[in-house]
Amino acid sequence: MTQLDLDLSQSRRDRGLKRAAEHAGDPWMTEAVEDFARFVSARGEATLEAWRYDWLSRGKPSPASHKAYGAVAMSAAKRGLVVNTGRYVKAQSPKTHAHRVPVWKYIDF
C-alpha cells in the first residue's frame, strides 16, 4: 500500500463518517457525543460498543444508520473530549464477529 492509497482510504473514511453524522442529524449527534464523553469519563476508559449498549438500554434512539456510531467517537475525539488509547479489545456483539475495537480515554483537563 502506498501513501497515496492510505490518504485516499482515510479521506473516504472521513467522508463516510461525515455523511453518517449528517444523516443522523445534529440533535442526535450532539446528544450522543456528549453522552459518549460522559460515559468514558465515568469509567476512565471505555469502548464505543459499551457506550452503545448503555445508550440503547436507557431507551435512547438509534441513529438512522449504524454507521453514525463511529462518527460519535470520531467527533468526540475531534472535539478533544476523548482520545484513542491505542489499545484494542475484541468486540462483544455477535454481529461484529469479535473484531477489534479501540479503547477510548477521557481527556481530563
C-alpha atoms as a PDB file:
ATOM      1  CA  MET A   1       0.000   0.000   0.000  1.00  0.00           C
ATOM      2  CA  THR A   2       1.369   3.398  -0.932  1.00  0.00           C
ATOM      3  CA  GLN A   3       0.954   6.674   0.940  1.00  0.00           C
ATOM      4  CA  LEU A   4      -1.474   7.754  -1.785  1.00  0.00           C
ATOM      5  CA  ASP A   5      -3.614   4.653  -1.104  1.00  0.00           C
ATOM      6  CA  LEU A   6      -3.573   5.375   2.614  1.00  0.00           C
ATOM      7  CA  ASP A   7      -4.504   9.027   2.082  1.00  0.00           C
ATOM      8  CA  LEU A   8      -7.370   8.043  -0.223  1.00  0.00           C
ATOM      9  CA  SER A   9      -8.594   5.426   2.237  1.00  0.00           C
ATOM     10  CA  GLN A  10      -8.585   7.906   5.132  1.00  0.00           C
ATOM     11  CA  SER A  11     -10.300  10.537   3.008  1.00  0.00           C
ATOM     12  CA  ARG A  12     -13.057   8.096   2.113  1.00  0.00           C
ATOM     13  CA  ARG A  13     -13.416   7.078   5.764  1.00  0.00           C
ATOM     14  CA  ASP A  14     -13.759  10.713   6.816  1.00  0.00           C
ATOM     15  CA  ARG A  15     -16.329  11.454   4.095  1.00  0.00           C
ATOM     16  CA  GLY A  16     -18.334   8.394   5.110  1.00  0.00           C
ATOM     17  CA  LEU A  17     -18.315   9.381   8.773  1.00  0.00           C
ATOM     18  CA  LYS A  18     -19.380  12.898   7.853  1.00  0.00           C
ATOM     19  CA  ARG A  19     -22.283  11.581   5.774  1.00  0.00           C
ATOM     20  CA  ALA A  20     -23.368   9.250   8.574  1.00  0.00           C
ATOM     21  CA  ALA A  21     -23.265  12.108  11.098  1.00  0.00           C
ATOM     22  CA  GLU A  22     -25.247  14.386   8.788  1.00  0.00           C
ATOM     23  CA  HIS A  23     -27.811  11.654   8.206  1.00  0.00           C
ATOM     24  CA  ALA A  24     -28.186  11.107  11.962  1.00  0.00           C
ATOM     25  CA  GLY A  25     -28.883  14.822  12.411  1.00  0.00           C
ATOM     26  CA  ASP A  26     -27.341  17.489  14.603  1.00  0.00           C
ATOM     27  CA  PRO A  27     -29.604  16.970  17.640  1.00  0.00           C
ATOM     28  CA  TRP A  28     -28.879  13.229  17.769  1.00  0.00           C
ATOM     29  CA  MET A  29     -25.139  13.687  17.176  1.00  0.00           C
ATOM     30  CA  THR A  30     -24.810  16.458  19.761  1.00  0.00           C
ATOM     31  CA  GLU A  31     -26.530  14.427  22.460  1.00  0.00           C
ATOM     32  CA  ALA A  32     -24.686  11.237  21.545  1.00  0.00           C
ATOM     33  CA  VAL A  33     -21.214  12.838  21.502  1.00  0.00           C
ATOM     34  CA  GLU A  34     -21.789  14.481  24.879  1.00  0.00           C
ATOM     35  CA  ASP A  35     -23.182  11.262  26.323  1.00  0.00           C
ATOM     36  CA  PHE A  36     -20.248   9.226  24.988  1.00  0.00           C
ATOM     37  CA  ALA A  37     -17.779  11.642  26.613  1.00  0.00           C
ATOM     38  CA  ARG A  38     -19.726  11.422  29.888  1.00  0.00           C
ATOM     39  CA  PHE A  39     -19.751   7.619  29.694  1.00  0.00           C
ATOM     40  CA  VAL A  40     -15.998   7.402  29.068  1.00  0.00           C
ATOM     41  CA  SER A  41     -15.310   9.984  31.775  1.00  0.00           C
ATOM     42  CA  ALA A  42     -17.287   7.999  34.352  1.00  0.00           C
ATOM     43  CA  ARG A  43     -15.259   4.857  33.572  1.00  0.00           C
ATOM     44  CA  GLY A  44     -11.881   6.372  32.750  1.00  0.00           C
ATOM     45  CA  GLU A  45     -11.722   4.215  29.629  1.00  0.00           C
ATOM     46  CA  ALA A  46     -14.407   2.531  27.532  1.00  0.00           C
ATOM     47  CA  THR A  47     -15.256   1.210  24.105  1.00  0.00           C
ATOM     48  CA  LEU A  48     -17.822   2.741  21.808  1.00  0.00           C
ATOM     49  CA  GLU A  49     -19.575  -0.621  21.834  1.00  0.00           C
ATOM     50  CA  ALA A  50     -20.018  -0.493  25.633  1.00  0.00           C
ATOM     51  CA  TRP A  51     -21.398   3.036  25.358  1.00  0.00           C
ATOM     52  CA  ARG A  52     -23.795   1.976  22.569  1.00  0.00           C
ATOM     53  CA  TYR A  53     -25.216  -0.809  24.774  1.00  0.00           C
ATOM     54  CA  ASP A  54     -25.650   1.672  27.615  1.00  0.00           C
ATOM     55  CA  TRP A  55     -27.197   4.284  25.316  1.00  0.00           C
ATOM     56  CA  LEU A  56     -29.784   1.873  23.927  1.00  0.00           C
ATOM     57  CA  SER A  57     -30.512   0.299  27.339  1.00  0.00           C
ATOM     58  CA  ARG A  58     -31.594   3.751  28.543  1.00  0.00           C
ATOM     59  CA  GLY A  59     -34.133   3.972  25.734  1.00  0.00           C
ATOM     60  CA  LYS A  60     -32.153   6.433  23.641  1.00  0.00           C
ATOM     61  CA  PRO A  61     -32.912   6.372  19.925  1.00  0.00           C
ATOM     62  CA  SER A  62     -30.835   4.535  17.367  1.00  0.00           C
ATOM     63  CA  PRO A  63     -29.448   6.702  14.581  1.00  0.00           C
ATOM     64  CA  ALA A  64     -30.807   6.409  11.051  1.00  0.00           C
ATOM     65  CA  SER A  65     -27.685   4.384  10.163  1.00  0.00           C
ATOM     66  CA  HIS A  66     -25.499   2.257  12.442  1.00  0.00           C
ATOM     67  CA  LYS A  67     -22.515   3.983  10.821  1.00  0.00           C
ATOM     68  CA  ALA A  68     -23.303   7.089  12.873  1.00  0.00           C
ATOM     69  CA  TYR A  69     -21.981   5.347  15.974  1.00  0.00           C
ATOM     70  CA  GLY A  70     -18.445   5.520  14.593  1.00  0.00           C
ATOM     71  CA  ALA A  71     -18.977   9.195  13.891  1.00  0.00           C
ATOM     72  CA  VAL A  72     -19.785   9.702  17.581  1.00  0.00           C
ATOM     73  CA  ALA A  73     -16.334   8.575  18.713  1.00  0.00           C
ATOM     74  CA  MET A  74     -14.553  10.467  15.948  1.00  0.00           C
ATOM     75  CA  SER A  75     -16.498  13.649  16.717  1.00  0.00           C
ATOM     76  CA  ALA A  76     -15.732  13.351  20.424  1.00  0.00           C
ATOM     77  CA  ALA A  77     -12.054  12.902  19.591  1.00  0.00           C
ATOM     78  CA  LYS A  78     -12.033  15.889  17.220  1.00  0.00           C
ATOM     79  CA  ARG A  79     -13.617  17.997  19.965  1.00  0.00           C
ATOM     80  CA  GLY A  80     -10.829  16.957  22.314  1.00  0.00           C
ATOM     81  CA  LEU A  81     -13.127  15.104  24.705  1.00  0.00           C
ATOM     82  CA  VAL A  82     -11.640  11.627  24.286  1.00  0.00           C
ATOM     83  CA  VAL A  83      -8.531  10.039  22.825  1.00  0.00           C
ATOM     84  CA  ASN A  84      -7.896   6.617  21.358  1.00  0.00           C
ATOM     85  CA  THR A  85      -5.590   4.818  23.806  1.00  0.00           C
ATOM     86  CA  GLY A  86      -4.025   2.765  21.028  1.00  0.00           C
ATOM     87  CA  ARG A  87      -5.278  -0.375  22.738  1.00  0.00           C
ATOM     88  CA  TYR A  88      -7.905  -2.633  21.207  1.00  0.00           C
ATOM     89  CA  VAL A  89     -10.217  -5.295  22.610  1.00  0.00           C
ATOM     90  CA  LYS A  90     -12.460  -7.837  20.941  1.00  0.00           C
ATOM     91  CA  ALA A  91     -15.997  -6.627  20.338  1.00  0.00           C
ATOM     92  CA  GLN A  92     -18.680  -8.459  22.311  1.00  0.00           C
ATOM     93  CA  SER A  93     -21.569  -8.187  19.843  1.00  0.00           C
ATOM     94  CA  PRO A  94     -22.084 -11.376  17.820  1.00  0.00           C
ATOM     95  CA  LYS A  95     -22.748  -9.240  14.726  1.00  0.00           C
ATOM     96  CA  THR A  96     -19.221  -7.840  14.873  1.00  0.00           C
ATOM     97  CA  HIS A  97     -17.591 -11.291  14.761  1.00  0.00           C
ATOM     98  CA  ALA A  98     -15.177 -10.380  17.587  1.00  0.00           C
ATOM     99  CA  HIS A  99     -13.298  -7.800  15.538  1.00  0.00           C
ATOM    100  CA  ARG A 100     -11.040  -5.472  17.448  1.00  0.00           C
ATOM    101  CA  VAL A 101     -12.435  -2.148  18.678  1.00  0.00           C
ATOM    102  CA  PRO A 102     -10.498   0.778  20.143  1.00  0.00           C
ATOM    103  CA  VAL A 103     -10.482   1.682  23.797  1.00  0.00           C
ATOM    104  CA  TRP A 104     -11.170   5.387  24.358  1.00  0.00           C
ATOM    105  CA  LYS A 105      -9.947   7.503  27.261  1.00  0.00           C
ATOM    106  CA  TYR A 106     -11.485  10.693  28.590  1.00  0.00           C
ATOM    107  CA  ILE A 107      -9.228  13.732  28.395  1.00  0.00           C
ATOM    108  CA  ASP A 108      -9.198  15.360  31.796  1.00  0.00           C
ATOM    109  CA  PHE A 109      -8.005  18.941  31.707  1.00  0.00           C
END
